[in-house]
Protein backbone atom coordinates (compact mmCIF):
# COMPACT_ATOMS: atom_id res chain seq x y z
CA MET A 1 -21.29 -68.19 -7.70
CA ALA A 2 -24.18 -66.78 -9.74
CA ILE A 3 -23.82 -63.37 -11.30
CA ARG A 4 -26.63 -61.00 -10.40
CA ASN A 5 -27.83 -58.44 -12.88
CA LEU A 6 -29.06 -55.08 -11.71
CA ARG A 7 -31.94 -53.53 -13.65
CA LEU A 8 -32.59 -49.83 -13.47
CA TYR A 9 -36.12 -48.60 -14.02
CA ARG A 10 -36.52 -44.96 -14.80
CA GLU A 11 -39.52 -42.83 -14.03
CA PRO A 12 -41.65 -41.45 -16.89
CA ASP A 13 -40.24 -38.48 -18.74
CA VAL A 14 -41.51 -35.70 -16.49
CA GLU A 15 -40.41 -32.97 -18.91
CA ARG A 16 -42.46 -34.53 -21.72
CA MET A 17 -45.48 -34.72 -19.43
CA ALA A 18 -45.06 -31.09 -18.39
CA CYS A 19 -44.87 -29.94 -22.01
CA GLY A 20 -48.43 -31.05 -22.57
CA THR A 21 -47.87 -34.03 -24.83
CA LEU A 22 -49.95 -36.02 -22.34
CA PRO A 23 -53.25 -34.24 -21.65
CA GLN A 24 -53.48 -33.79 -17.89
CA LEU A 25 -56.67 -33.58 -15.91
CA GLU A 26 -57.16 -32.24 -12.41
CA SER A 27 -56.51 -35.64 -10.87
CA GLY A 28 -55.16 -37.74 -13.72
CA VAL A 29 -54.08 -38.12 -17.30
CA ARG A 30 -56.27 -38.89 -20.31
CA VAL A 31 -55.06 -41.86 -22.33
CA GLN A 32 -56.59 -44.03 -24.99
CA LEU A 33 -57.98 -47.36 -23.85
CA GLY A 34 -55.86 -49.15 -26.46
CA GLU A 35 -52.75 -47.86 -24.72
CA VAL A 36 -53.80 -49.06 -21.26
CA LEU A 37 -55.46 -52.42 -21.99
CA PRO A 38 -52.35 -54.34 -23.09
CA LEU A 39 -50.47 -53.15 -20.02
CA LEU A 40 -53.27 -54.10 -17.65
CA ALA A 41 -53.78 -57.46 -19.35
CA ASP A 42 -50.07 -58.24 -18.98
CA ALA A 43 -50.08 -57.13 -15.33
CA ILE A 44 -53.12 -59.32 -14.60
CA ALA A 45 -51.62 -62.32 -16.41
CA SER A 46 -48.36 -61.81 -14.50
CA ASP A 47 -50.25 -61.43 -11.21
CA ARG A 48 -48.51 -58.18 -10.34
CA THR A 49 -49.03 -57.20 -6.72
CA TRP A 50 -49.22 -53.47 -7.46
CA LEU A 51 -52.65 -54.04 -9.03
CA GLN A 52 -54.01 -54.48 -5.50
CA ASP A 53 -53.00 -50.88 -4.72
CA PHE A 54 -55.47 -49.64 -7.33
CA ARG A 55 -58.34 -52.08 -6.77
CA ASP A 56 -60.56 -49.37 -5.23
CA GLU A 57 -59.70 -46.67 -7.77
CA GLU A 58 -62.58 -45.22 -9.75
CA ILE A 59 -62.30 -44.73 -13.49
CA THR A 60 -64.56 -42.98 -15.95
CA VAL A 61 -65.75 -44.82 -19.05
CA SER A 62 -68.15 -43.74 -21.75
CA ALA A 63 -71.79 -44.79 -21.41
CA ASP A 64 -71.64 -47.01 -24.50
CA LEU A 65 -68.54 -48.84 -23.25
CA TYR A 66 -70.25 -49.34 -19.90
CA ASP A 67 -73.28 -50.87 -21.64
CA VAL A 68 -71.06 -53.23 -23.63
CA LEU A 69 -69.18 -54.27 -20.48
CA GLN A 70 -72.44 -54.95 -18.64
CA ALA A 71 -73.74 -57.08 -21.50
CA TYR A 72 -70.43 -58.94 -21.63
CA ARG A 73 -70.58 -59.56 -17.88
CA HIS A 74 -74.09 -60.93 -18.21
CA PHE A 75 -73.36 -63.29 -21.10
CA ARG A 76 -70.02 -64.63 -19.87
CA ARG A 77 -71.49 -66.06 -16.66
CA PRO A 78 -71.30 -69.84 -16.42
CA GLY A 79 -74.52 -71.40 -17.64
CA ALA A 80 -75.61 -68.30 -19.54
């Protein structure tokens, strides 16, 4: 009979968040893109189903990052 391992996942440290170490906005938390990108890339590569829950979420990016993303979108098209 196979032994099953139980993994416990803990929620983020709420006390640390309340102390202001993570800058909170009215409806979110400000984080650096470099902190989020590796996590999102891993979740996409692993085809995590929870990504679907956030598909319609809006995010705010700087105007220069938006311009770079639009140029990247244009030039990565097949045949471009």
